[in-house]
Amino acid sequence: MAAAQVLDQDRVRAAYASLGSGDRAVIEQYWSPELTWETAGNSRVSGTYKGMDEFLGFLGTMGEISAGSLAMEFRTIVVDGDVAVAVTHNTATRANDADRGMDIEEVHFLRWRDGRIVQGRGAMFGTGTGDFEQFVA
């Protein structure tokens, strides 16, 4: 990376927006190839994803499960040093089952290094983990 990037709310938003680009070079401007991502719960997609290939595979699986309907709205983003926390409202409809939806609040803990996310963890509020597990089952 040529110049140090300022970590602020705009950079966090840009990191998430890059995921929708489908362009790995753009994604890797914000997400480290050595990324570790942890997904909460005990579902088939829960667990730890190591490296960009596994992380993008997880996102692809979520895209398939939701037929691309997964939407995330930021509630708030807090940045302090090399850490950002994003609180989001996530909705989706299950592929091939329009009556099966997901509507959860989630928090993402993001550790940054050299302008890119190197570690991410997702956690859900209230009944969110159970709702998420039922959605992806």
C-alpha atoms as a PDB file:
ATOM      1  CA  MET A   1       0.000   0.000   0.000  1.00  0.00           C
ATOM      2  CA  ALA A   2       1.593   3.256  -1.141  1.00  0.00           C
ATOM      3  CA  ALA A   3       0.256   5.686   1.458  1.00  0.00           C
ATOM      4  CA  ALA A   4      -1.214   5.232   4.918  1.00  0.00           C
ATOM      5  CA  GLN A   5      -5.005   5.277   4.874  1.00  0.00           C
ATOM      6  CA  VAL A   6      -6.954   7.169   7.505  1.00  0.00           C
ATOM      7  CA  LEU A   7      -9.319   4.839   9.308  1.00  0.00           C
ATOM      8  CA  ASP A   8     -12.658   6.581   9.627  1.00  0.00           C
ATOM      9  CA  GLN A   9     -16.346   5.846   9.087  1.00  0.00           C
ATOM     10  CA  ASP A  10     -16.026   6.565   5.358  1.00  0.00           C
ATOM     11  CA  ARG A  11     -13.260   3.960   4.984  1.00  0.00           C
ATOM     12  CA  VAL A  12     -15.357   1.375   6.845  1.00  0.00           C
ATOM     13  CA  ARG A  13     -18.325   2.071   4.554  1.00  0.00           C
ATOM     14  CA  ALA A  14     -16.044   1.849   1.499  1.00  0.00           C
ATOM     15  CA  ALA A  15     -14.728  -1.529   2.712  1.00  0.00           C
ATOM     16  CA  TYR A  16     -18.232  -2.971   2.772  1.00  0.00           C
ATOM     17  CA  ALA A  17     -19.124  -1.336  -0.540  1.00  0.00           C
ATOM     18  CA  SER A  18     -16.057  -2.958  -2.131  1.00  0.00           C
ATOM     19  CA  LEU A  19     -17.527  -6.398  -1.431  1.00  0.00           C
ATOM     20  CA  GLY A  20     -20.355  -5.653  -3.840  1.00  0.00           C
ATOM     21  CA  SER A  21     -17.926  -4.780  -6.629  1.00  0.00           C
ATOM     22  CA  GLY A  22     -17.055  -8.391  -7.391  1.00  0.00           C
ATOM     23  CA  ASP A  23     -13.541  -7.150  -8.166  1.00  0.00           C
ATOM     24  CA  ARG A  24     -10.953  -8.874  -5.990  1.00  0.00           C
ATOM     25  CA  ALA A  25      -8.370  -6.122  -6.566  1.00  0.00           C
ATOM     26  CA  VAL A  26     -10.850  -3.528  -5.293  1.00  0.00           C
ATOM     27  CA  ILE A  27     -11.830  -5.728  -2.332  1.00  0.00           C
ATOM     28  CA  GLU A  28      -8.181  -6.222  -1.369  1.00  0.00           C
ATOM     29  CA  GLN A  29      -7.732  -2.463  -1.077  1.00  0.00           C
ATOM     30  CA  TYR A  30      -9.806  -2.775   2.118  1.00  0.00           C
ATOM     31  CA  TRP A  31      -9.735  -6.432   3.140  1.00  0.00           C
ATOM     32  CA  SER A  32      -6.355  -8.111   3.747  1.00  0.00           C
ATOM     33  CA  PRO A  33      -5.603 -11.333   1.851  1.00  0.00           C
ATOM     34  CA  GLU A  34      -4.647 -12.728   5.304  1.00  0.00           C
ATOM     35  CA  LEU A  35      -8.055 -11.835   6.745  1.00  0.00           C
ATOM     36  CA  THR A  36      -9.610 -13.990   9.453  1.00  0.00           C
ATOM     37  CA  TRP A  37     -13.413 -13.716   9.718  1.00  0.00           C
ATOM     38  CA  GLU A  38     -15.524 -15.339  12.442  1.00  0.00           C
ATOM     39  CA  THR A  39     -19.251 -15.936  11.960  1.00  0.00           C
ATOM     40  CA  ALA A  40     -21.330 -16.515  15.095  1.00  0.00           C
ATOM     41  CA  GLY A  41     -23.582 -19.433  15.898  1.00  0.00           C
ATOM     42  CA  ASN A  42     -23.726 -23.123  15.137  1.00  0.00           C
ATOM     43  CA  SER A  43     -25.053 -23.089  11.589  1.00  0.00           C
ATOM     44  CA  ARG A  44     -23.546 -24.553   8.451  1.00  0.00           C
ATOM     45  CA  VAL A  45     -21.905 -21.167   7.711  1.00  0.00           C
ATOM     46  CA  SER A  46     -20.759 -20.447  11.283  1.00  0.00           C
ATOM     47  CA  GLY A  47     -17.076 -20.673  12.080  1.00  0.00           C
ATOM     48  CA  THR A  48     -13.752 -19.128  11.180  1.00  0.00           C
ATOM     49  CA  TYR A  49     -12.761 -18.270   7.610  1.00  0.00           C
ATOM     50  CA  LYS A  50      -9.044 -17.822   6.982  1.00  0.00           C
ATOM     51  CA  GLY A  51      -7.768 -15.943   3.970  1.00  0.00           C
ATOM     52  CA  MET A  52      -9.517 -14.176   1.138  1.00  0.00           C
ATOM     53  CA  ASP A  53     -10.614 -17.332  -0.710  1.00  0.00           C
ATOM     54  CA  GLU A  54     -12.462 -18.718   2.326  1.00  0.00           C
ATOM     55  CA  PHE A  55     -13.974 -15.316   3.168  1.00  0.00           C
ATOM     56  CA  LEU A  56     -15.218 -14.761  -0.384  1.00  0.00           C
ATOM     57  CA  GLY A  57     -16.518 -18.334  -0.390  1.00  0.00           C
ATOM     58  CA  PHE A  58     -18.557 -17.560   2.731  1.00  0.00           C
ATOM     59  CA  LEU A  59     -19.974 -14.428   1.091  1.00  0.00           C
ATOM     60  CA  GLY A  60     -20.795 -16.458  -2.024  1.00  0.00           C
ATOM     61  CA  THR A  61     -22.643 -19.032   0.066  1.00  0.00           C
ATOM     62  CA  MET A  62     -24.637 -16.269   1.756  1.00  0.00           C
ATOM     63  CA  GLY A  63     -25.446 -14.863  -1.686  1.00  0.00           C
ATOM     64  CA  GLU A  64     -26.725 -18.270  -2.813  1.00  0.00           C
ATOM     65  CA  ILE A  65     -28.777 -18.828   0.352  1.00  0.00           C
ATOM     66  CA  SER A  66     -30.387 -15.396   0.021  1.00  0.00           C
ATOM     67  CA  ALA A  67     -30.581 -15.317  -3.793  1.00  0.00           C
ATOM     68  CA  GLY A  68     -28.625 -12.070  -3.583  1.00  0.00           C
ATOM     69  CA  SER A  69     -31.253 -10.380  -1.389  1.00  0.00           C
ATOM     70  CA  LEU A  70     -29.021  -9.851   1.657  1.00  0.00           C
ATOM     71  CA  ALA A  71     -29.074  -6.153   2.547  1.00  0.00           C
ATOM     72  CA  MET A  72     -27.138  -4.419   5.300  1.00  0.00           C
ATOM     73  CA  GLU A  73     -27.957  -0.982   6.682  1.00  0.00           C
ATOM     74  CA  PHE A  74     -25.480   0.711   8.994  1.00  0.00           C
ATOM     75  CA  ARG A  75     -26.944   1.800  12.335  1.00  0.00           C
ATOM     76  CA  THR A  76     -23.654   3.238  13.573  1.00  0.00           C
ATOM     77  CA  ILE A  77     -19.920   2.938  13.045  1.00  0.00           C
ATOM     78  CA  VAL A  78     -17.389   3.626  15.795  1.00  0.00           C
ATOM     79  CA  VAL A  79     -13.675   3.949  15.050  1.00  0.00           C
ATOM     80  CA  ASP A  80     -10.893   4.012  17.662  1.00  0.00           C
ATOM     81  CA  GLY A  81      -7.266   3.493  16.670  1.00  0.00           C
ATOM     82  CA  ASP A  82      -6.988   0.276  14.644  1.00  0.00           C
ATOM     83  CA  VAL A  83     -10.480  -0.965  15.572  1.00  0.00           C
ATOM     84  CA  ALA A  84     -13.851  -0.239  14.024  1.00  0.00           C
ATOM     85  CA  VAL A  85     -17.223  -1.493  15.201  1.00  0.00           C
ATOM     86  CA  ALA A  86     -20.144  -1.469  12.792  1.00  0.00           C
ATOM     87  CA  VAL A  87     -23.675  -2.029  14.065  1.00  0.00           C
ATOM     88  CA  THR A  88     -25.955  -3.111  11.228  1.00  0.00           C
ATOM     89  CA  HIS A  89     -29.520  -4.092  10.445  1.00  0.00           C
ATOM     90  CA  ASN A  90     -29.478  -7.084   8.091  1.00  0.00           C
ATOM     91  CA  THR A  91     -32.396  -8.413   6.067  1.00  0.00           C
ATOM     92  CA  ALA A  92     -32.741 -11.136   3.455  1.00  0.00           C
ATOM     93  CA  THR A  93     -35.199 -13.513   1.858  1.00  0.00           C
ATOM     94  CA  ARG A  94     -34.356 -17.174   1.486  1.00  0.00           C
ATOM     95  CA  ALA A  95     -33.751 -18.417  -2.056  1.00  0.00           C
ATOM     96  CA  ASN A  96     -36.743 -20.406  -3.352  1.00  0.00           C
ATOM     97  CA  ASP A  97     -38.794 -19.554  -0.227  1.00  0.00           C
ATOM     98  CA  ALA A  98     -40.123 -15.987  -0.211  1.00  0.00           C
ATOM     99  CA  ASP A  99     -41.904 -16.641   3.108  1.00  0.00           C
ATOM    100  CA  ARG A 100     -38.608 -17.364   4.871  1.00  0.00           C
ATOM    101  CA  GLY A 101     -36.874 -14.138   5.783  1.00  0.00           C
ATOM    102  CA  MET A 102     -34.171 -12.829   8.051  1.00  0.00           C
ATOM    103  CA  ASP A 103     -34.333  -9.545   9.961  1.00  0.00           C
ATOM    104  CA  ILE A 104     -31.539  -9.175  12.532  1.00  0.00           C
ATOM    105  CA  GLU A 105     -29.326  -6.641  14.274  1.00  0.00           C
ATOM    106  CA  GLU A 106     -25.615  -7.454  14.115  1.00  0.00           C
ATOM    107  CA  VAL A 107     -22.324  -6.011  15.269  1.00  0.00           C
ATOM    108  CA  HIS A 108     -19.051  -6.450  13.386  1.00  0.00           C
ATOM    109  CA  PHE A 109     -15.762  -6.020  15.230  1.00  0.00           C
ATOM    110  CA  LEU A 110     -13.054  -5.101  12.711  1.00  0.00           C
ATOM    111  CA  ARG A 111      -9.309  -4.929  13.407  1.00  0.00           C
ATOM    112  CA  TRP A 112      -7.350  -2.977  10.803  1.00  0.00           C
ATOM    113  CA  ARG A 113      -3.669  -2.959   9.845  1.00  0.00           C
ATOM    114  CA  ASP A 114      -2.077  -0.868   7.105  1.00  0.00           C
ATOM    115  CA  GLY A 115      -5.478   0.392   5.940  1.00  0.00           C
ATOM    116  CA  ARG A 116      -7.074  -3.055   5.569  1.00  0.00           C
ATOM    117  CA  ILE A 117      -9.217  -5.319   7.702  1.00  0.00           C
ATOM    118  CA  VAL A 118      -7.170  -8.231   9.052  1.00  0.00           C
ATOM    119  CA  GLN A 119      -9.712  -9.614  11.514  1.00  0.00           C
ATOM    120  CA  GLY A 120     -13.488  -9.515  11.644  1.00  0.00           C
ATOM    121  CA  ARG A 121     -16.019 -10.988  14.024  1.00  0.00           C
ATOM    122  CA  GLY A 122     -19.779 -10.946  13.732  1.00  0.00           C
ATOM    123  CA  ALA A 123     -22.196 -11.159  16.667  1.00  0.00           C
ATOM    124  CA  MET A 124     -25.962 -10.882  16.769  1.00  0.00           C
ATOM    125  CA  PHE A 125     -28.304  -9.306  19.284  1.00  0.00           C
ATOM    126  CA  GLY A 126     -31.291 -10.838  21.063  1.00  0.00           C
ATOM    127  CA  THR A 127     -32.687 -13.777  19.134  1.00  0.00           C
ATOM    128  CA  GLY A 128     -30.533 -12.869  16.117  1.00  0.00           C
ATOM    129  CA  THR A 129     -28.200 -15.857  16.318  1.00  0.00           C
ATOM    130  CA  GLY A 130     -31.102 -18.307  16.404  1.00  0.00           C
ATOM    131  CA  ASP A 131     -32.917 -16.416  13.652  1.00  0.00           C
ATOM    132  CA  PHE A 132     -29.747 -16.451  11.516  1.00  0.00           C
ATOM    133  CA  GLU A 133     -29.250 -20.181  12.093  1.00  0.00           C
ATOM    134  CA  GLN A 134     -32.850 -20.917  11.052  1.00  0.00           C
ATOM    135  CA  PHE A 135     -32.449 -18.755   7.951  1.00  0.00           C
ATOM    136  CA  VAL A 136     -29.327 -20.530   6.684  1.00  0.00           C
ATOM    137  CA  ALA A 137     -30.451 -24.042   7.705  1.00  0.00           C
END
